[in-house]
């Protein structure tokens, strides 16, 4: 089989497609995948998600007796994780905005979105969270190579009719966190899915 892109052409016995399903649906396949798999590519969509990285001089929340991991469903930034080095310096919070909140925030001015974000962190980490060294937000829905968030969902009927997540299409194999049947949407799911696809390739006949 042959894989062609604008930079190069590669001939291979098999290929693993490890992209979000929406992006995989934009690839031109010849011959086309089975109809059920083509339907899955078009129907399994991810939601909106914005990730924030907020950097402080130190992980002050540790001194305050907090782990840094928090879930606050009633706040516009519901999930935050401590991604600081073991030393605690610098202090780094990785936080996430999802769904309608993320869609709304994407239309705000950067300063307004930053203000909402930092206030949501301060609600659980205290006033020190309002004055970071740096703060960066990435709207995954606006990224060319993701177009959406990292967690795909099934509309009614999609899983039961088209949900063969790990089944290959001839010499095309699929991988990615969206196809993981365990730890779906997480890095662990991406690794498990990749290992499964690699095992399929290794065990396949030439």
N, C-alpha and C. Protein backbone atom coordinates (compact mmCIF):
# COMPACT_ATOMS: atom_id res chain seq x y z
N UNK A 1 0.85 -1.18 0.00
CA UNK A 1 0.00 0.00 0.00
C UNK A 1 0.89 1.24 0.00
N UNK A 2 0.31 2.36 -0.37
CA UNK A 2 1.08 3.59 -0.52
C UNK A 2 0.40 4.72 0.26
N UNK A 3 1.20 5.47 1.01
CA UNK A 3 0.72 6.64 1.75
C UNK A 3 1.34 7.87 1.10
N UNK A 4 0.49 8.80 0.70
CA UNK A 4 0.95 9.99 -0.02
C UNK A 4 0.54 11.23 0.74
N UNK A 5 1.49 12.13 0.98
CA UNK A 5 1.17 13.43 1.55
C UNK A 5 1.96 14.49 0.79
N UNK A 6 1.82 15.73 1.18
CA UNK A 6 2.45 16.79 0.38
C UNK A 6 3.97 16.79 0.53
N UNK A 7 4.51 16.12 1.55
CA UNK A 7 5.96 16.12 1.75
C UNK A 7 6.65 14.88 1.20
N UNK A 8 5.97 13.74 1.27
CA UNK A 8 6.63 12.51 0.86
C UNK A 8 5.61 11.45 0.50
N UNK A 9 6.14 10.36 -0.09
CA UNK A 9 5.35 9.17 -0.41
C UNK A 9 6.04 7.97 0.22
N UNK A 10 5.27 7.13 0.90
CA UNK A 10 5.82 5.97 1.60
C UNK A 10 5.09 4.72 1.15
N UNK A 11 5.84 3.70 0.79
CA UNK A 11 5.27 2.38 0.50
C UNK A 11 5.46 1.49 1.72
N UNK A 12 4.40 0.79 2.12
CA UNK A 12 4.46 -0.04 3.32
C UNK A 12 3.50 -1.21 3.17
N UNK A 13 3.73 -2.26 3.98
CA UNK A 13 2.81 -3.39 3.97
C UNK A 13 1.52 -3.07 4.72
N UNK A 14 1.66 -2.28 5.80
CA UNK A 14 0.51 -1.90 6.61
C UNK A 14 0.72 -0.49 7.15
N UNK A 15 -0.37 0.13 7.60
CA UNK A 15 -0.27 1.48 8.15
C UNK A 15 -1.14 1.59 9.40
N UNK A 16 -0.68 2.36 10.35
CA UNK A 16 -1.47 2.66 11.55
C UNK A 16 -1.86 4.13 11.49
N UNK A 17 -3.15 4.40 11.52
CA UNK A 17 -3.67 5.77 11.54
C UNK A 17 -3.96 6.11 13.00
N UNK A 18 -3.19 7.04 13.54
CA UNK A 18 -3.31 7.40 14.96
C UNK A 18 -3.63 8.88 15.09
N UNK A 19 -4.77 9.27 14.54
CA UNK A 19 -5.23 10.66 14.62
C UNK A 19 -6.63 10.66 15.22
N UNK A 20 -7.10 11.82 15.72
CA UNK A 20 -8.52 11.90 16.09
C UNK A 20 -9.40 11.48 14.93
N UNK A 21 -10.54 10.90 15.24
CA UNK A 21 -11.37 10.33 14.19
C UNK A 21 -11.83 11.37 13.18
N UNK A 22 -12.10 12.60 13.64
CA UNK A 22 -12.52 13.64 12.71
C UNK A 22 -11.43 13.92 11.67
N UNK A 23 -10.17 13.94 12.09
CA UNK A 23 -9.08 14.14 11.15
C UNK A 23 -8.91 12.92 10.26
N UNK A 24 -9.06 11.72 10.85
CA UNK A 24 -8.94 10.50 10.05
C UNK A 24 -10.00 10.45 8.96
N UNK A 25 -11.15 11.04 9.21
CA UNK A 25 -12.22 11.04 8.20
C UNK A 25 -11.88 11.92 7.01
N UNK A 26 -10.90 12.81 7.14
CA UNK A 26 -10.51 13.71 6.06
C UNK A 26 -9.44 13.11 5.15
N UNK A 27 -8.90 11.99 5.55
CA UNK A 27 -7.92 11.31 4.70
C UNK A 27 -8.66 10.65 3.54
N UNK A 28 -8.06 10.69 2.37
CA UNK A 28 -8.63 10.02 1.20
C UNK A 28 -8.11 8.59 1.16
N UNK A 29 -9.02 7.62 1.20
CA UNK A 29 -8.66 6.21 1.20
C UNK A 29 -9.07 5.58 -0.13
N UNK A 30 -8.19 4.80 -0.70
CA UNK A 30 -8.49 4.09 -1.95
C UNK A 30 -7.85 2.70 -1.89
N UNK A 31 -8.67 1.65 -1.68
CA UNK A 31 -10.13 1.68 -1.60
C UNK A 31 -10.62 2.24 -0.26
N UNK A 32 -11.88 2.61 -0.22
CA UNK A 32 -12.46 3.19 0.98
C UNK A 32 -12.59 2.12 2.07
N UNK A 33 -12.53 2.50 3.35
CA UNK A 33 -12.77 1.55 4.43
C UNK A 33 -14.20 1.01 4.35
N UNK A 34 -14.47 -0.11 5.02
CA UNK A 34 -15.85 -0.60 5.08
C UNK A 34 -16.79 0.49 5.56
N UNK A 35 -18.02 0.46 5.09
CA UNK A 35 -18.95 1.54 5.37
C UNK A 35 -19.13 1.79 6.86
N UNK A 36 -19.18 0.72 7.68
CA UNK A 36 -19.37 0.90 9.12
C UNK A 36 -18.22 1.70 9.71
N UNK A 37 -17.00 1.42 9.27
CA UNK A 37 -15.85 2.15 9.81
C UNK A 37 -15.83 3.58 9.30
N UNK A 38 -16.22 3.79 8.06
CA UNK A 38 -16.31 5.15 7.53
C UNK A 38 -17.36 5.97 8.29
N UNK A 39 -18.45 5.33 8.64
CA UNK A 39 -19.49 6.00 9.43
C UNK A 39 -18.97 6.37 10.80
N UNK A 40 -18.21 5.46 11.41
CA UNK A 40 -17.66 5.73 12.74
C UNK A 40 -16.76 6.96 12.70
N UNK A 41 -15.92 7.08 11.68
CA UNK A 41 -15.03 8.22 11.56
C UNK A 41 -15.81 9.53 11.53
N UNK A 42 -16.96 9.52 10.89
CA UNK A 42 -17.73 10.75 10.74
C UNK A 42 -18.64 11.04 11.92
N UNK A 43 -18.99 10.02 12.69
CA UNK A 43 -20.01 10.18 13.71
C UNK A 43 -19.47 10.29 15.14
N UNK A 44 -18.22 9.87 15.37
CA UNK A 44 -17.67 9.88 16.72
C UNK A 44 -16.89 11.19 16.92
N UNK A 45 -17.54 12.17 17.53
CA UNK A 45 -16.98 13.50 17.65
C UNK A 45 -16.50 13.79 19.07
N UNK A 46 -15.58 14.71 19.18
CA UNK A 46 -15.09 15.15 20.48
C UNK A 46 -15.70 16.51 20.82
N UNK A 47 -15.71 16.83 22.10
CA UNK A 47 -16.25 18.10 22.55
C UNK A 47 -15.20 19.20 22.54
N UNK A 48 -15.62 20.39 22.89
CA UNK A 48 -14.70 21.52 22.98
C UNK A 48 -13.90 21.44 24.27
N UNK A 49 -12.64 21.81 24.20
CA UNK A 49 -11.79 21.80 25.40
C UNK A 49 -10.70 22.86 25.25
N UNK A 50 -10.44 23.58 26.33
CA UNK A 50 -9.34 24.52 26.39
C UNK A 50 -8.45 24.13 27.56
N UNK A 51 -7.15 24.07 27.32
CA UNK A 51 -6.20 23.73 28.38
C UNK A 51 -5.45 24.99 28.80
N UNK A 52 -5.27 25.16 30.09
CA UNK A 52 -4.49 26.27 30.61
C UNK A 52 -3.25 25.77 31.33
N UNK A 53 -2.12 26.42 31.11
CA UNK A 53 -0.89 26.16 31.86
C UNK A 53 -0.58 27.44 32.63
N UNK A 54 -0.55 27.35 33.94
CA UNK A 54 -0.33 28.52 34.79
C UNK A 54 0.90 28.27 35.64
N UNK A 55 1.86 29.19 35.57
CA UNK A 55 3.18 29.00 36.18
C UNK A 55 3.38 30.00 37.32
N UNK A 56 3.85 29.49 38.46
CA UNK A 56 4.12 30.32 39.64
C UNK A 56 5.58 30.10 40.07
N UNK A 57 6.06 30.97 40.95
CA UNK A 57 7.42 30.82 41.46
C UNK A 57 7.62 29.45 42.11
N UNK A 58 6.61 29.02 42.83
CA UNK A 58 6.67 27.73 43.51
C UNK A 58 5.27 27.15 43.64
N UNK A 59 5.21 25.88 43.95
CA UNK A 59 3.92 25.21 44.14
C UNK A 59 3.39 25.53 45.53
N UNK A 60 2.89 26.74 45.70
CA UNK A 60 2.48 27.23 47.02
C UNK A 60 1.38 26.39 47.64
N UNK A 61 0.59 25.73 46.81
CA UNK A 61 -0.49 24.91 47.33
C UNK A 61 0.03 23.73 48.15
N UNK A 62 1.21 23.26 47.83
CA UNK A 62 1.80 22.17 48.61
C UNK A 62 2.10 22.65 50.03
N UNK A 63 2.65 23.86 50.13
CA UNK A 63 2.92 24.45 51.45
C UNK A 63 1.62 24.63 52.23
N UNK A 64 0.55 24.88 51.52
CA UNK A 64 -0.76 25.06 52.16
C UNK A 64 -1.44 23.73 52.46
N UNK A 65 -0.76 22.62 52.15
CA UNK A 65 -1.31 21.31 52.45
C UNK A 65 -2.25 20.76 51.41
N UNK A 66 -2.19 21.31 50.19
CA UNK A 66 -3.07 20.84 49.11
C UNK A 66 -2.27 20.04 48.09
N UNK A 67 -2.92 19.05 47.48
CA UNK A 67 -2.23 18.20 46.51
C UNK A 67 -2.06 18.90 45.16
N UNK A 68 -2.90 19.86 44.87
CA UNK A 68 -2.89 20.51 43.57
C UNK A 68 -3.91 19.94 42.61
N UNK A 69 -4.37 18.73 42.87
CA UNK A 69 -5.40 18.13 42.02
C UNK A 69 -6.77 18.50 42.56
N UNK A 70 -7.61 19.06 41.71
CA UNK A 70 -8.94 19.46 42.18
C UNK A 70 -9.97 19.31 41.07
N UNK A 71 -11.19 19.03 41.49
CA UNK A 71 -12.33 18.96 40.57
C UNK A 71 -13.44 19.81 41.17
N UNK A 72 -13.88 20.82 40.43
CA UNK A 72 -14.91 21.73 40.91
C UNK A 72 -15.95 21.90 39.80
N UNK A 73 -16.92 21.00 39.71
CA UNK A 73 -17.88 21.01 38.59
C UNK A 73 -18.66 22.31 38.45
N UNK A 74 -18.79 23.08 39.52
CA UNK A 74 -19.58 24.31 39.46
C UNK A 74 -18.78 25.51 38.98
N UNK A 75 -17.48 25.35 38.75
CA UNK A 75 -16.64 26.45 38.30
C UNK A 75 -16.39 26.35 36.79
N UNK A 76 -16.10 27.48 36.12
CA UNK A 76 -15.87 27.43 34.67
C UNK A 76 -14.63 26.65 34.26
N UNK A 77 -13.68 26.51 35.17
CA UNK A 77 -12.50 25.67 34.94
C UNK A 77 -12.58 24.52 35.95
N UNK A 78 -13.22 23.42 35.59
CA UNK A 78 -13.57 22.41 36.60
C UNK A 78 -12.45 21.49 37.05
N UNK A 79 -11.39 21.34 36.24
CA UNK A 79 -10.35 20.36 36.57
C UNK A 79 -9.00 21.04 36.57
N UNK A 80 -8.18 20.76 37.59
CA UNK A 80 -6.81 21.27 37.64
C UNK A 80 -5.90 20.21 38.23
N UNK A 81 -4.66 20.16 37.73
CA UNK A 81 -3.68 19.16 38.17
C UNK A 81 -2.35 19.85 38.44
N UNK A 82 -1.63 19.33 39.42
CA UNK A 82 -0.28 19.81 39.73
C UNK A 82 0.71 19.14 38.78
N UNK A 83 1.34 19.93 37.92
CA UNK A 83 2.35 19.39 37.02
C UNK A 83 3.73 19.99 37.30
N UNK A 84 3.94 20.40 38.55
CA UNK A 84 5.23 20.95 38.96
C UNK A 84 6.26 19.84 39.05
N UNK A 85 7.56 20.19 38.92
CA UNK A 85 8.59 19.19 39.19
C UNK A 85 8.57 18.80 40.66
N UNK A 86 9.25 17.73 40.99
CA UNK A 86 9.25 17.23 42.36
C UNK A 86 9.71 18.30 43.35
N UNK A 87 10.64 19.13 42.91
CA UNK A 87 11.17 20.18 43.79
C UNK A 87 10.11 21.22 44.14
N UNK A 88 9.08 21.35 43.34
CA UNK A 88 8.04 22.34 43.58
C UNK A 88 8.35 23.71 43.01
N UNK A 89 9.44 23.84 42.29
CA UNK A 89 9.80 25.12 41.70
C UNK A 89 10.26 24.92 40.25
N UNK A 90 9.59 25.53 39.29
CA UNK A 90 8.43 26.40 39.46
C UNK A 90 7.16 25.60 39.78
N UNK A 91 6.14 26.30 40.23
CA UNK A 91 4.84 25.67 40.45
C UNK A 91 4.01 25.76 39.18
N UNK A 92 3.49 24.64 38.72
CA UNK A 92 2.75 24.61 37.45
C UNK A 92 1.41 23.91 37.66
N UNK A 93 0.36 24.60 37.31
CA UNK A 93 -0.98 24.01 37.31
C UNK A 93 -1.44 23.83 35.87
N UNK A 94 -1.87 22.62 35.55
CA UNK A 94 -2.49 22.34 34.25
C UNK A 94 -3.99 22.22 34.51
N UNK A 95 -4.77 23.06 33.85
CA UNK A 95 -6.21 23.08 34.13
C UNK A 95 -7.01 23.08 32.83
N UNK A 96 -8.30 22.74 32.93
CA UNK A 96 -9.08 22.44 31.74
C UNK A 96 -10.49 23.03 31.83
N UNK A 97 -10.94 23.54 30.69
CA UNK A 97 -12.30 24.05 30.54
C UNK A 97 -12.97 23.24 29.44
N UNK A 98 -14.20 22.79 29.66
CA UNK A 98 -14.85 21.87 28.73
C UNK A 98 -16.21 22.39 28.26
N UNK A 99 -16.68 21.77 27.15
CA UNK A 99 -18.05 21.92 26.71
C UNK A 99 -18.50 23.35 26.50
N UNK A 100 -19.73 23.69 26.95
CA UNK A 100 -20.28 25.04 26.71
C UNK A 100 -19.40 26.15 27.26
N UNK A 101 -18.75 25.90 28.40
CA UNK A 101 -17.86 26.92 28.96
C UNK A 101 -16.70 27.21 28.01
N UNK A 102 -16.13 26.16 27.44
CA UNK A 102 -15.02 26.33 26.50
C UNK A 102 -15.48 27.03 25.23
N UNK A 103 -16.65 26.68 24.74
CA UNK A 103 -17.18 27.31 23.54
C UNK A 103 -17.41 28.81 23.77
N UNK A 104 -17.94 29.14 24.94
CA UNK A 104 -18.18 30.55 25.28
C UNK A 104 -16.85 31.29 25.43
N UNK A 105 -15.89 30.68 26.12
CA UNK A 105 -14.61 31.33 26.38
C UNK A 105 -13.84 31.60 25.09
N UNK A 106 -14.02 30.73 24.09
CA UNK A 106 -13.31 30.90 22.81
C UNK A 106 -13.68 32.21 22.13
N UNK A 107 -14.83 32.79 22.47
CA UNK A 107 -15.26 34.03 21.85
C UNK A 107 -14.95 35.27 22.66
N UNK A 108 -14.29 35.10 23.81
CA UNK A 108 -13.97 36.23 24.68
C UNK A 108 -12.62 36.84 24.31
N UNK A 109 -12.41 38.06 24.76
CA UNK A 109 -11.09 38.68 24.64
C UNK A 109 -10.12 37.94 25.56
N UNK A 110 -8.84 37.81 25.18
CA UNK A 110 -7.88 37.07 25.99
C UNK A 110 -7.82 37.52 27.45
N UNK A 111 -7.85 38.81 27.70
CA UNK A 111 -7.76 39.31 29.08
C UNK A 111 -8.97 38.88 29.89
N UNK A 112 -10.14 38.88 29.27
CA UNK A 112 -11.36 38.47 29.97
C UNK A 112 -11.32 36.98 30.30
N UNK A 113 -10.87 36.18 29.34
CA UNK A 113 -10.78 34.74 29.58
C UNK A 113 -9.76 34.44 30.68
N UNK A 114 -8.62 35.12 30.63
CA UNK A 114 -7.58 34.93 31.66
C UNK A 114 -8.14 35.25 33.04
N UNK A 115 -8.91 36.34 33.15
CA UNK A 115 -9.49 36.74 34.43
C UNK A 115 -10.43 35.66 34.98
N UNK A 116 -11.29 35.13 34.11
CA UNK A 116 -12.20 34.05 34.52
C UNK A 116 -11.39 32.84 34.98
N UNK A 117 -10.34 32.53 34.23
CA UNK A 117 -9.54 31.34 34.51
C UNK A 117 -8.86 31.44 35.88
N UNK A 118 -8.18 32.56 36.11
CA UNK A 118 -7.43 32.71 37.36
C UNK A 118 -8.36 32.79 38.56
N UNK A 119 -9.51 33.39 38.40
CA UNK A 119 -10.47 33.44 39.51
C UNK A 119 -10.99 32.04 39.84
N UNK A 120 -11.15 31.20 38.81
CA UNK A 120 -11.58 29.82 39.06
C UNK A 120 -10.51 29.04 39.82
N UNK A 121 -9.24 29.30 39.52
CA UNK A 121 -8.16 28.66 40.28
C UNK A 121 -8.09 29.20 41.69
N UNK A 122 -8.26 30.51 41.83
CA UNK A 122 -8.19 31.13 43.16
C UNK A 122 -9.31 30.64 44.07
N UNK A 123 -10.43 30.24 43.50
CA UNK A 123 -11.55 29.77 44.31
C UNK A 123 -11.18 28.53 45.11
N UNK A 124 -10.20 27.72 44.61
CA UNK A 124 -9.81 26.55 45.39
C UNK A 124 -8.37 26.58 45.89
N UNK A 125 -7.51 27.43 45.31
CA UNK A 125 -6.12 27.49 45.78
C UNK A 125 -5.79 28.77 46.54
N UNK A 126 -6.73 29.71 46.58
CA UNK A 126 -6.50 30.95 47.32
C UNK A 126 -6.02 32.08 46.44
N UNK A 127 -5.87 33.25 47.05
CA UNK A 127 -5.56 34.47 46.31
C UNK A 127 -4.22 34.42 45.59
N UNK A 128 -3.27 33.60 46.06
CA UNK A 128 -1.97 33.51 45.40
C UNK A 128 -2.11 33.05 43.94
N UNK A 129 -3.18 32.34 43.65
CA UNK A 129 -3.38 31.83 42.29
C UNK A 129 -3.67 32.95 41.29
N UNK A 130 -3.98 34.16 41.78
CA UNK A 130 -4.34 35.27 40.89
C UNK A 130 -3.12 35.93 40.25
N UNK A 131 -1.92 35.65 40.76
CA UNK A 131 -0.73 36.37 40.28
C UNK A 131 0.36 35.39 39.82
N UNK A 132 0.15 34.74 38.70
CA UNK A 132 1.16 33.80 38.20
C UNK A 132 2.29 34.53 37.47
N UNK A 133 3.40 33.81 37.27
CA UNK A 133 4.48 34.30 36.42
C UNK A 133 4.02 34.35 34.96
N UNK A 134 3.29 33.31 34.58
CA UNK A 134 2.84 33.19 33.19
C UNK A 134 1.57 32.36 33.14
N UNK A 135 0.78 32.61 32.12
CA UNK A 135 -0.46 31.84 31.93
C UNK A 135 -0.71 31.71 30.43
N UNK A 136 -0.93 30.49 29.97
CA UNK A 136 -1.15 30.22 28.55
C UNK A 136 -2.36 29.32 28.39
N UNK A 137 -3.22 29.67 27.44
CA UNK A 137 -4.38 28.83 27.14
C UNK A 137 -4.28 28.32 25.71
N UNK A 138 -4.69 27.07 25.49
CA UNK A 138 -4.73 26.48 24.16
C UNK A 138 -6.13 25.94 23.90
N UNK A 139 -6.78 26.50 22.89
CA UNK A 139 -8.11 26.04 22.49
C UNK A 139 -7.93 24.91 21.49
N UNK A 140 -8.14 23.67 21.93
CA UNK A 140 -7.90 22.53 21.06
C UNK A 140 -8.85 22.50 19.87
N UNK A 141 -10.02 23.10 20.01
CA UNK A 141 -10.95 23.13 18.88
C UNK A 141 -10.43 24.01 17.75
N UNK A 142 -9.51 24.92 18.07
CA UNK A 142 -8.96 25.82 17.06
C UNK A 142 -7.64 25.31 16.49
N UNK A 143 -7.15 24.18 17.00
CA UNK A 143 -5.88 23.63 16.54
C UNK A 143 -6.10 22.79 15.28
N UNK A 144 -5.30 23.03 14.26
CA UNK A 144 -5.47 22.36 12.97
C UNK A 144 -5.40 20.84 13.08
N UNK A 145 -4.55 20.32 13.97
CA UNK A 145 -4.33 18.88 14.03
C UNK A 145 -5.06 18.20 15.18
N UNK A 146 -6.03 18.90 15.75
CA UNK A 146 -6.92 18.24 16.72
C UNK A 146 -8.38 18.57 16.43
N UNK A 147 -8.68 19.85 16.23
CA UNK A 147 -10.01 20.35 15.89
C UNK A 147 -11.03 20.18 17.01
N UNK A 148 -10.74 19.43 18.01
CA UNK A 148 -11.65 19.23 19.14
C UNK A 148 -10.84 18.87 20.37
N UNK A 149 -11.56 18.51 21.43
CA UNK A 149 -10.92 18.06 22.66
C UNK A 149 -10.43 16.64 22.56
N UNK A 150 -9.95 16.10 23.68
CA UNK A 150 -9.27 14.80 23.66
C UNK A 150 -10.20 13.64 24.01
N UNK A 151 -11.46 13.92 24.29
CA UNK A 151 -12.38 12.86 24.71
C UNK A 151 -13.53 12.79 23.71
N UNK A 152 -13.59 11.71 22.95
CA UNK A 152 -14.66 11.54 21.97
C UNK A 152 -15.89 10.92 22.65
N UNK A 153 -17.05 11.19 22.09
CA UNK A 153 -18.27 10.64 22.67
C UNK A 153 -19.13 10.03 21.58
N UNK A 154 -20.03 9.17 22.01
CA UNK A 154 -20.90 8.46 21.08
C UNK A 154 -22.32 9.02 21.17
N UNK A 155 -22.85 9.48 20.07
CA UNK A 155 -24.27 9.81 20.02
C UNK A 155 -25.07 8.51 20.09
N UNK A 156 -26.37 8.57 20.42
CA UNK A 156 -27.17 7.35 20.49
C UNK A 156 -27.09 6.55 19.19
N UNK A 157 -26.81 5.26 19.31
CA UNK A 157 -26.76 4.37 18.16
C UNK A 157 -25.40 4.21 17.52
N UNK A 158 -24.46 5.12 17.80
CA UNK A 158 -23.16 5.04 17.14
C UNK A 158 -22.37 3.83 17.64
N UNK A 159 -22.27 3.65 18.94
CA UNK A 159 -21.49 2.54 19.49
C UNK A 159 -22.09 1.20 19.10
N UNK A 160 -23.40 1.09 19.17
CA UNK A 160 -24.03 -0.20 18.88
C UNK A 160 -23.99 -0.54 17.40
N UNK A 161 -24.01 0.46 16.53
CA UNK A 161 -24.03 0.19 15.10
C UNK A 161 -22.66 0.22 14.44
N UNK A 162 -21.77 1.08 14.93
CA UNK A 162 -20.49 1.29 14.24
C UNK A 162 -19.29 1.19 15.18
N UNK A 163 -19.48 0.75 16.40
CA UNK A 163 -18.45 0.86 17.42
C UNK A 163 -17.38 -0.21 17.45
N UNK A 164 -16.88 -0.63 16.31
CA UNK A 164 -15.78 -1.59 16.28
C UNK A 164 -14.46 -0.82 16.33
N UNK A 165 -14.10 -0.35 17.53
CA UNK A 165 -13.03 0.62 17.69
C UNK A 165 -11.67 0.09 17.28
N UNK A 166 -11.38 -1.18 17.59
CA UNK A 166 -10.05 -1.71 17.33
C UNK A 166 -9.92 -2.57 16.10
N UNK A 167 -11.01 -2.71 15.34
CA UNK A 167 -11.00 -3.59 14.18
C UNK A 167 -10.31 -2.91 13.00
N UNK A 168 -9.38 -3.62 12.38
CA UNK A 168 -8.64 -3.05 11.25
C UNK A 168 -9.52 -3.00 10.00
N UNK A 169 -9.12 -2.18 9.04
CA UNK A 169 -9.77 -2.12 7.73
C UNK A 169 -8.78 -2.64 6.72
N UNK A 170 -8.73 -3.94 6.57
CA UNK A 170 -7.72 -4.54 5.70
C UNK A 170 -6.33 -4.29 6.26
N UNK A 171 -5.50 -3.57 5.52
CA UNK A 171 -4.14 -3.28 5.96
C UNK A 171 -4.03 -1.95 6.70
N UNK A 172 -5.16 -1.34 6.97
CA UNK A 172 -5.19 -0.11 7.77
C UNK A 172 -5.58 -0.47 9.19
N UNK A 173 -4.76 -0.04 10.14
CA UNK A 173 -5.03 -0.27 11.56
C UNK A 173 -5.22 1.09 12.23
N UNK A 174 -6.01 1.10 13.30
CA UNK A 174 -6.39 2.35 13.94
C UNK A 174 -5.85 2.41 15.36
N UNK A 175 -5.45 3.60 15.79
CA UNK A 175 -4.99 3.79 17.16
C UNK A 175 -5.32 5.21 17.60
N UNK A 176 -5.20 5.45 18.89
CA UNK A 176 -5.47 6.78 19.43
C UNK A 176 -6.34 6.68 20.67
N UNK A 177 -6.27 7.68 21.51
CA UNK A 177 -7.03 7.62 22.75
C UNK A 177 -8.53 7.57 22.52
N UNK A 178 -8.99 8.13 21.38
CA UNK A 178 -10.43 8.08 21.07
C UNK A 178 -10.90 6.66 20.79
N UNK A 179 -9.97 5.76 20.46
CA UNK A 179 -10.33 4.37 20.16
C UNK A 179 -10.05 3.44 21.35
N UNK A 180 -9.60 3.98 22.44
CA UNK A 180 -9.29 3.15 23.61
C UNK A 180 -10.57 2.66 24.27
N UNK A 181 -10.60 1.38 24.61
CA UNK A 181 -11.74 0.84 25.34
C UNK A 181 -11.52 0.91 26.85
N UNK A 182 -10.29 1.23 27.26
CA UNK A 182 -9.97 1.52 28.66
C UNK A 182 -9.21 2.83 28.71
N UNK A 183 -9.48 3.64 29.74
CA UNK A 183 -8.81 4.94 29.90
C UNK A 183 -9.03 5.83 28.68
N UNK A 184 -10.23 5.80 28.16
CA UNK A 184 -10.60 6.57 26.97
C UNK A 184 -10.36 8.05 27.21
N UNK A 185 -9.71 8.71 26.25
CA UNK A 185 -9.48 10.14 26.34
C UNK A 185 -8.23 10.54 27.09
N UNK A 186 -7.52 9.57 27.67
CA UNK A 186 -6.33 9.87 28.46
C UNK A 186 -5.08 9.32 27.77
N UNK A 187 -3.91 9.77 28.21
CA UNK A 187 -2.67 9.29 27.64
C UNK A 187 -2.54 7.78 27.79
N UNK A 188 -2.97 7.26 28.93
CA UNK A 188 -2.92 5.82 29.16
C UNK A 188 -3.73 5.08 28.09
N UNK A 189 -4.88 5.63 27.74
CA UNK A 189 -5.70 5.02 26.69
C UNK A 189 -5.01 5.06 25.35
N UNK A 190 -4.31 6.17 25.06
CA UNK A 190 -3.58 6.27 23.79
C UNK A 190 -2.49 5.21 23.70
N UNK A 191 -1.77 5.01 24.81
CA UNK A 191 -0.70 4.01 24.83
C UNK A 191 -1.28 2.61 24.65
N UNK A 192 -2.35 2.30 25.35
CA UNK A 192 -2.97 0.97 25.24
C UNK A 192 -3.46 0.72 23.82
N UNK A 193 -4.09 1.74 23.23
CA UNK A 193 -4.59 1.59 21.87
C UNK A 193 -3.44 1.40 20.89
N UNK A 194 -2.35 2.16 21.07
CA UNK A 194 -1.19 2.02 20.20
C UNK A 194 -0.55 0.65 20.31
N UNK A 195 -0.46 0.12 21.52
CA UNK A 195 0.10 -1.22 21.72
C UNK A 195 -0.76 -2.27 21.05
N UNK A 196 -2.09 -2.09 21.14
CA UNK A 196 -3.00 -3.05 20.51
C UNK A 196 -2.85 -3.03 18.99
N UNK A 197 -2.75 -1.82 18.41
CA UNK A 197 -2.58 -1.72 16.96
C UNK A 197 -1.25 -2.31 16.53
N UNK A 198 -0.19 -2.04 17.30
CA UNK A 198 1.12 -2.59 16.97
C UNK A 198 1.11 -4.11 17.03
N UNK A 199 0.40 -4.67 18.01
CA UNK A 199 0.29 -6.13 18.12
C UNK A 199 -0.45 -6.71 16.92
N UNK A 200 -1.49 -6.02 16.46
CA UNK A 200 -2.20 -6.47 15.26
C UNK A 200 -1.26 -6.54 14.07
N UNK A 201 -0.44 -5.51 13.90
CA UNK A 201 0.48 -5.45 12.78
C UNK A 201 1.53 -6.57 12.89
N UNK A 202 2.07 -6.76 14.08
CA UNK A 202 3.11 -7.77 14.29
C UNK A 202 2.58 -9.18 14.03
N UNK A 203 1.30 -9.39 14.35
CA UNK A 203 0.72 -10.73 14.23
C UNK A 203 0.05 -10.95 12.88
N UNK A 204 -0.03 -9.91 12.06
CA UNK A 204 -0.71 -10.04 10.77
C UNK A 204 0.16 -10.78 9.77
N UNK A 205 -0.47 -11.45 8.87
CA UNK A 205 0.26 -12.10 7.78
C UNK A 205 0.77 -11.03 6.83
N UNK A 206 1.88 -11.32 6.19
CA UNK A 206 2.48 -10.36 5.25
C UNK A 206 1.52 -10.04 4.11
